[in-house]
Amino acid sequence: MFPILFSIGSIHIFSFSVFLVLSWVIFSFIFWKSLRRNVSDEQQIFDLMFYSTLVSIFASRLTFVLFHWSLFAETPLKIFAFWVQPGLSLYGALFGCIVTLLFKMRQYKLRLAFISDALAFSLPSALLVGEIGSLLDGTVIGKATNLPFAVLYVGHLGSRHPVQIYAMVVLTAIISLLVLLQKKAEKDKWSYGLMGIWFFLLYSLSMFVLEFLQESSVYFSYLSANQWVLIAIFAETLGAFYVRGGGREYFRPKFHGVQTLVLLKLKDTYAKISKRRS
């Protein structure tokens, strides 16, 4: 771990803070570049990024405080003192960002599909950089493991799963897959919004699995709070894929065929039973 990147006298520059800012810069640039293809008003794009950033910071801190209230119960003023009691929630920030984007989207009468596609590449790229900061800072601790290379990760805590490294590998794979899907989308003229749907499906599923290797202090019915959030994201995205992403057109004929086969089998069985009784 390398929590302090460098120092200037008594001023310390922390790794996580630097990479958090860098993550926001990358997100803003890719989001702006992706969205401006379909939204001509630069002021609207700026407003989307500005307000979503403000709400994300607030939501991230609020979510962390709610789930770790014991850290603030004696001195509530520590809620506002990040330097005294640090702590942010990734999924709280994500929730705040998406809600704000949806609100501003309706205000500016923009299509949700444009926002979804803009998030498809901006979010994983930003999260990848954020994981580097988390690795250097040691903010996320993996569960105990017998893997020999994990000793280098947090040696003073024993051998642990390097969950940030796992996440970086997964995010890199997701970005690579999205690049391939984007080429297919342009070739086959996919509907707008599908790239965002694919990202949230892949991300929620993979991060849900990685959560089993990560230490967490908040559990509900054997699953961590983050896993329940990821289940909600996956379910919502799966519904979007079925309704808007072509899933209904793909699965309905197959289910209709199964339904027809079952009815025919029941009809044949009923006919045989009727003959036996007569």
Protein backbone atom coordinates (compact mmCIF):
# COMPACT_ATOMS: atom_id res chain seq x y z
CA MET A 1 0.00 0.00 0.00
CA PHE A 2 1.14 3.52 -0.76
CA PRO A 3 -1.45 5.90 0.76
CA ILE A 4 0.67 9.07 0.52
CA LEU A 5 1.74 9.74 -3.05
CA PHE A 6 4.19 12.51 -2.12
CA SER A 7 4.63 15.29 0.44
CA ILE A 8 5.52 18.96 0.21
CA GLY A 9 6.71 19.92 3.66
CA SER A 10 3.89 19.19 6.06
CA ILE A 11 1.36 18.88 3.22
CA HIS A 12 0.61 15.30 2.18
CA ILE A 13 -0.89 14.40 -1.19
CA PHE A 14 -2.86 11.19 -0.83
CA SER A 15 -2.98 8.56 -3.56
CA PHE A 16 -6.71 7.97 -3.34
CA SER A 17 -7.50 11.69 -3.62
CA VAL A 18 -5.31 12.11 -6.71
CA PHE A 19 -6.76 9.09 -8.50
CA LEU A 20 -10.29 10.06 -7.47
CA VAL A 21 -9.87 13.44 -9.18
CA LEU A 22 -8.24 11.75 -12.17
CA SER A 23 -11.14 9.31 -12.32
CA TRP A 24 -13.62 12.19 -12.42
CA VAL A 25 -11.64 13.92 -15.21
CA ILE A 26 -11.64 10.75 -17.32
CA PHE A 27 -15.35 10.17 -16.70
CA SER A 28 -16.23 13.77 -17.63
CA PHE A 29 -14.17 13.74 -20.82
CA ILE A 30 -15.44 10.41 -22.16
CA PHE A 31 -19.03 11.18 -21.12
CA TRP A 32 -18.89 14.59 -22.83
CA LYS A 33 -17.27 13.15 -25.97
CA SER A 34 -19.83 10.34 -26.23
CA LEU A 35 -22.87 12.49 -25.53
CA ARG A 36 -21.99 15.36 -27.87
CA ARG A 37 -22.51 13.01 -30.83
CA ASN A 38 -26.25 13.13 -30.17
CA VAL A 39 -26.68 16.30 -28.08
CA SER A 40 -25.72 19.55 -29.81
CA ASP A 41 -26.19 21.85 -26.81
CA GLU A 42 -22.85 21.95 -24.95
CA GLN A 43 -24.43 23.81 -22.02
CA GLN A 44 -26.81 20.93 -21.38
CA ILE A 45 -23.93 18.45 -21.33
CA PHE A 46 -22.00 20.67 -18.92
CA ASP A 47 -25.03 20.93 -16.63
CA LEU A 48 -25.44 17.15 -16.64
CA MET A 49 -21.83 16.64 -15.56
CA PHE A 50 -21.79 19.50 -13.05
CA TYR A 51 -24.95 18.61 -11.14
CA SER A 52 -24.35 14.86 -11.27
CA THR A 53 -20.89 15.44 -9.76
CA LEU A 54 -22.25 17.54 -6.88
CA VAL A 55 -25.04 15.10 -6.06
CA SER A 56 -22.69 12.10 -6.36
CA ILE A 57 -20.32 13.53 -3.75
CA PHE A 58 -23.19 14.24 -1.38
CA ALA A 59 -24.86 10.85 -1.96
CA SER A 60 -21.57 9.00 -1.61
CA ARG A 61 -20.82 10.53 1.77
CA LEU A 62 -24.41 10.22 3.00
CA THR A 63 -24.58 6.53 2.09
CA PHE A 64 -21.32 5.82 3.88
CA VAL A 65 -22.51 7.65 6.99
CA LEU A 66 -25.83 5.79 7.07
CA PHE A 67 -24.19 2.37 6.83
CA HIS A 68 -21.36 3.22 9.25
CA TRP A 69 -23.20 5.40 11.75
CA SER A 70 -21.21 4.01 14.67
CA LEU A 71 -18.20 5.95 13.40
CA PHE A 72 -20.10 9.25 13.65
CA ALA A 73 -22.49 8.68 16.57
CA GLU A 74 -20.31 10.30 19.24
CA THR A 75 -19.18 13.24 17.07
CA PRO A 76 -21.64 13.95 14.24
CA LEU A 77 -19.46 16.84 13.04
CA LYS A 78 -17.10 14.21 11.65
CA ILE A 79 -19.65 13.75 8.87
CA PHE A 80 -18.31 16.94 7.29
CA ALA A 81 -14.67 16.37 8.26
CA PHE A 82 -13.39 14.07 5.53
CA TRP A 83 -9.83 14.51 6.77
CA VAL A 84 -10.80 13.26 10.25
CA GLN A 85 -13.10 10.40 9.30
CA PRO A 86 -12.71 9.53 5.60
CA GLY A 87 -15.19 7.33 3.84
CA LEU A 88 -17.20 7.35 0.62
CA SER A 89 -19.62 4.87 -0.94
CA LEU A 90 -19.06 3.96 -4.59
CA TYR A 91 -22.63 2.77 -5.12
CA GLY A 92 -24.02 5.77 -3.29
CA ALA A 93 -22.14 7.98 -5.75
CA LEU A 94 -23.35 5.87 -8.67
CA PHE A 95 -26.95 6.10 -7.49
CA GLY A 96 -26.72 9.87 -7.02
CA CYS A 97 -25.16 10.29 -10.46
CA ILE A 98 -27.81 8.26 -12.27
CA VAL A 99 -30.76 9.87 -10.45
CA THR A 100 -29.42 13.34 -11.25
CA LEU A 101 -28.86 12.44 -14.89
CA LEU A 102 -32.41 11.11 -15.15
CA PHE A 103 -33.83 14.28 -13.58
CA LYS A 104 -31.84 16.63 -15.83
CA MET A 105 -32.55 14.43 -18.85
CA ARG A 106 -36.30 14.90 -18.37
CA GLN A 107 -35.79 18.61 -17.84
CA TYR A 108 -33.87 18.99 -21.10
CA LYS A 109 -36.03 16.40 -22.92
CA LEU A 110 -33.08 14.20 -23.82
CA ARG A 111 -33.35 10.53 -24.68
CA LEU A 112 -32.40 8.08 -21.94
CA ALA A 113 -30.70 5.92 -24.57
CA PHE A 114 -28.14 8.67 -25.27
CA ILE A 115 -27.29 8.92 -21.57
CA SER A 116 -27.03 5.13 -21.30
CA ASP A 117 -24.57 4.85 -24.18
CA ALA A 118 -22.48 7.73 -22.81
CA LEU A 119 -22.18 5.91 -19.48
CA ALA A 120 -21.18 2.65 -21.17
CA PHE A 121 -17.56 3.70 -21.70
CA SER A 122 -17.16 6.63 -19.29
CA LEU A 123 -18.05 4.69 -16.13
CA PRO A 124 -15.79 1.61 -16.55
CA SER A 125 -12.82 3.76 -17.55
CA ALA A 126 -13.30 6.01 -14.52
CA LEU A 127 -13.83 3.05 -12.19
CA LEU A 128 -10.66 1.41 -13.47
CA VAL A 129 -8.60 4.47 -12.51
CA GLY A 130 -10.41 4.67 -9.17
CA GLU A 131 -9.43 1.08 -8.39
CA ILE A 132 -5.77 2.04 -8.74
CA GLY A 133 -6.23 4.70 -6.08
CA SER A 134 -8.08 2.24 -3.87
CA LEU A 135 -5.26 -0.29 -4.25
CA LEU A 136 -2.59 2.25 -3.29
CA ASP A 137 -4.64 3.53 -0.37
CA GLY A 138 -5.77 0.15 0.90
CA THR A 139 -9.36 1.34 1.39
CA VAL A 140 -10.78 -2.05 0.41
CA ILE A 141 -9.54 -5.19 2.12
CA GLY A 142 -9.85 -8.63 0.61
CA LYS A 143 -10.69 -11.73 2.58
CA ALA A 144 -7.98 -14.08 3.83
CA THR A 145 -6.51 -16.44 1.25
CA ASN A 146 -3.66 -18.91 0.81
CA LEU A 147 -2.51 -17.36 -2.46
CA PRO A 148 1.23 -16.70 -2.06
CA PHE A 149 1.35 -13.49 -4.16
CA ALA A 150 -1.35 -11.85 -2.03
CA VAL A 151 1.13 -11.39 0.84
CA LEU A 152 2.65 -8.52 -1.11
CA TYR A 153 -0.73 -6.84 -1.22
CA VAL A 154 -1.31 -6.28 2.51
CA GLY A 155 1.58 -8.00 4.21
CA HIS A 156 0.90 -6.65 7.70
CA LEU A 157 -2.64 -8.07 7.60
CA GLY A 158 -1.62 -11.46 6.31
CA SER A 159 -2.36 -13.01 2.95
CA ARG A 160 -5.44 -11.38 1.40
CA HIS A 161 -7.26 -11.39 -1.92
CA PRO A 162 -6.10 -8.39 -4.00
CA VAL A 163 -9.67 -7.47 -4.87
CA GLN A 164 -8.71 -4.17 -6.53
CA ILE A 165 -6.45 -6.03 -8.95
CA TYR A 166 -9.27 -8.47 -9.68
CA ALA A 167 -11.60 -5.52 -10.30
CA MET A 168 -9.10 -3.86 -12.64
CA VAL A 169 -8.80 -7.07 -14.67
CA VAL A 170 -12.59 -7.40 -14.84
CA LEU A 171 -13.09 -3.75 -15.85
CA THR A 172 -10.43 -4.05 -18.55
CA ALA A 173 -12.20 -7.14 -19.90
CA ILE A 174 -15.56 -5.31 -19.83
CA ILE A 175 -14.12 -2.32 -21.72
CA SER A 176 -12.56 -4.64 -24.32
CA LEU A 177 -15.82 -6.50 -24.77
CA LEU A 178 -17.75 -3.22 -25.09
CA VAL A 179 -15.36 -2.08 -27.82
CA LEU A 180 -16.13 -5.27 -29.78
CA LEU A 181 -19.87 -4.85 -29.16
CA GLN A 182 -19.67 -1.23 -30.30
CA LYS A 183 -18.24 -2.31 -33.65
CA LYS A 184 -21.04 -4.85 -34.02
CA ALA A 185 -23.59 -2.23 -32.97
CA GLU A 186 -22.40 0.18 -35.68
CA LYS A 187 -22.35 -2.58 -38.27
CA ASP A 188 -25.79 -3.99 -37.42
CA LYS A 189 -27.27 -0.58 -36.49
CA TRP A 190 -28.30 -1.48 -32.95
CA SER A 191 -30.77 0.71 -31.12
CA TYR A 192 -29.41 3.51 -28.95
CA GLY A 193 -29.00 2.57 -25.31
CA LEU A 194 -27.96 -1.06 -25.78
CA MET A 195 -24.30 -0.40 -24.98
CA GLY A 196 -25.23 1.04 -21.60
CA ILE A 197 -27.48 -1.93 -20.90
CA TRP A 198 -24.67 -4.36 -21.69
CA PHE A 199 -22.27 -2.48 -19.43
CA PHE A 200 -24.57 -2.53 -16.40
CA LEU A 201 -25.37 -6.22 -16.94
CA LEU A 202 -21.72 -7.21 -17.14
CA TYR A 203 -20.61 -4.90 -14.34
CA SER A 204 -23.29 -5.83 -11.82
CA LEU A 205 -22.81 -9.57 -12.42
CA SER A 206 -19.00 -9.53 -12.18
CA MET A 207 -18.84 -7.17 -9.18
CA PHE A 208 -21.42 -9.30 -7.36
CA VAL A 209 -19.06 -12.27 -7.62
CA LEU A 210 -16.02 -10.23 -6.51
CA GLU A 211 -17.90 -9.04 -3.43
CA PHE A 212 -17.57 -12.57 -2.01
CA LEU A 213 -13.79 -12.01 -1.86
CA GLN A 214 -14.02 -8.64 -0.13
CA GLU A 215 -14.36 -7.72 3.53
CA SER A 216 -17.58 -5.89 4.39
CA SER A 217 -19.03 -4.63 7.66
CA VAL A 218 -22.66 -4.43 6.49
CA TYR A 219 -24.60 -7.63 5.69
CA PHE A 220 -28.25 -8.42 5.10
CA SER A 221 -29.25 -12.10 4.96
CA TYR A 222 -25.75 -13.42 4.19
CA LEU A 223 -25.14 -10.89 1.40
CA SER A 224 -23.31 -7.60 1.74
CA ALA A 225 -25.11 -4.30 1.23
CA ASN A 226 -23.16 -3.80 -2.00
CA GLN A 227 -24.36 -7.16 -3.32
CA TRP A 228 -27.99 -6.22 -2.74
CA VAL A 229 -27.39 -2.99 -4.65
CA LEU A 230 -25.80 -4.95 -7.49
CA ILE A 231 -28.76 -7.35 -7.55
CA ALA A 232 -31.09 -4.36 -7.91
CA ILE A 233 -28.96 -2.92 -10.73
CA PHE A 234 -28.86 -6.28 -12.52
CA ALA A 235 -32.63 -6.80 -12.19
CA GLU A 236 -33.41 -3.28 -13.41
CA THR A 237 -31.02 -3.59 -16.33
CA LEU A 238 -32.32 -7.03 -17.25
CA GLY A 239 -35.81 -5.55 -17.37
CA ALA A 240 -34.55 -2.76 -19.61
CA PHE A 241 -32.92 -5.30 -21.89
CA TYR A 242 -36.14 -7.31 -22.14
CA VAL A 243 -38.37 -4.31 -22.83
CA ARG A 244 -36.11 -1.97 -24.80
CA GLY A 245 -33.08 -3.98 -25.79
CA GLY A 246 -34.60 -6.58 -28.07
CA GLY A 247 -34.89 -9.28 -25.44
CA ARG A 248 -38.64 -9.46 -25.76
CA GLU A 249 -38.40 -10.00 -29.52
CA TYR A 250 -35.71 -12.64 -29.00
CA PHE A 251 -37.16 -14.64 -26.11
CA ARG A 252 -40.92 -14.39 -26.73
CA PRO A 253 -40.94 -16.64 -29.84
CA LYS A 254 -38.88 -19.25 -27.96
CA PHE A 255 -41.13 -19.15 -24.91
CA HIS A 256 -44.13 -19.24 -27.21
CA GLY A 257 -42.73 -22.40 -28.81
CA VAL A 258 -42.19 -23.98 -25.39
CA GLN A 259 -45.69 -22.97 -24.32
CA THR A 260 -47.17 -24.50 -27.45
CA LEU A 261 -45.20 -27.73 -26.94
CA VAL A 262 -46.37 -28.00 -23.33
CA LEU A 263 -49.99 -27.44 -24.31
CA LEU A 264 -49.76 -30.08 -27.04
CA LYS A 265 -48.24 -32.55 -24.58
CA LEU A 266 -50.99 -31.83 -22.06
CA LYS A 267 -53.64 -32.18 -24.75
CA ASP A 268 -52.16 -35.52 -25.88
CA THR A 269 -51.95 -36.75 -22.28
CA TYR A 270 -55.51 -35.66 -21.59
CA ALA A 271 -56.70 -37.45 -24.69
CA LYS A 272 -54.99 -40.67 -23.60
CA ILE A 273 -56.43 -40.43 -20.11
CA SER A 274 -59.89 -39.86 -21.56
CA LYS A 275 -59.57 -42.94 -23.75
CA ARG A 276 -58.49 -45.09 -20.85
CA ARG A 277 -61.47 -44.05 -18.79
CA SER A 278 -63.92 -44.74 -21.57
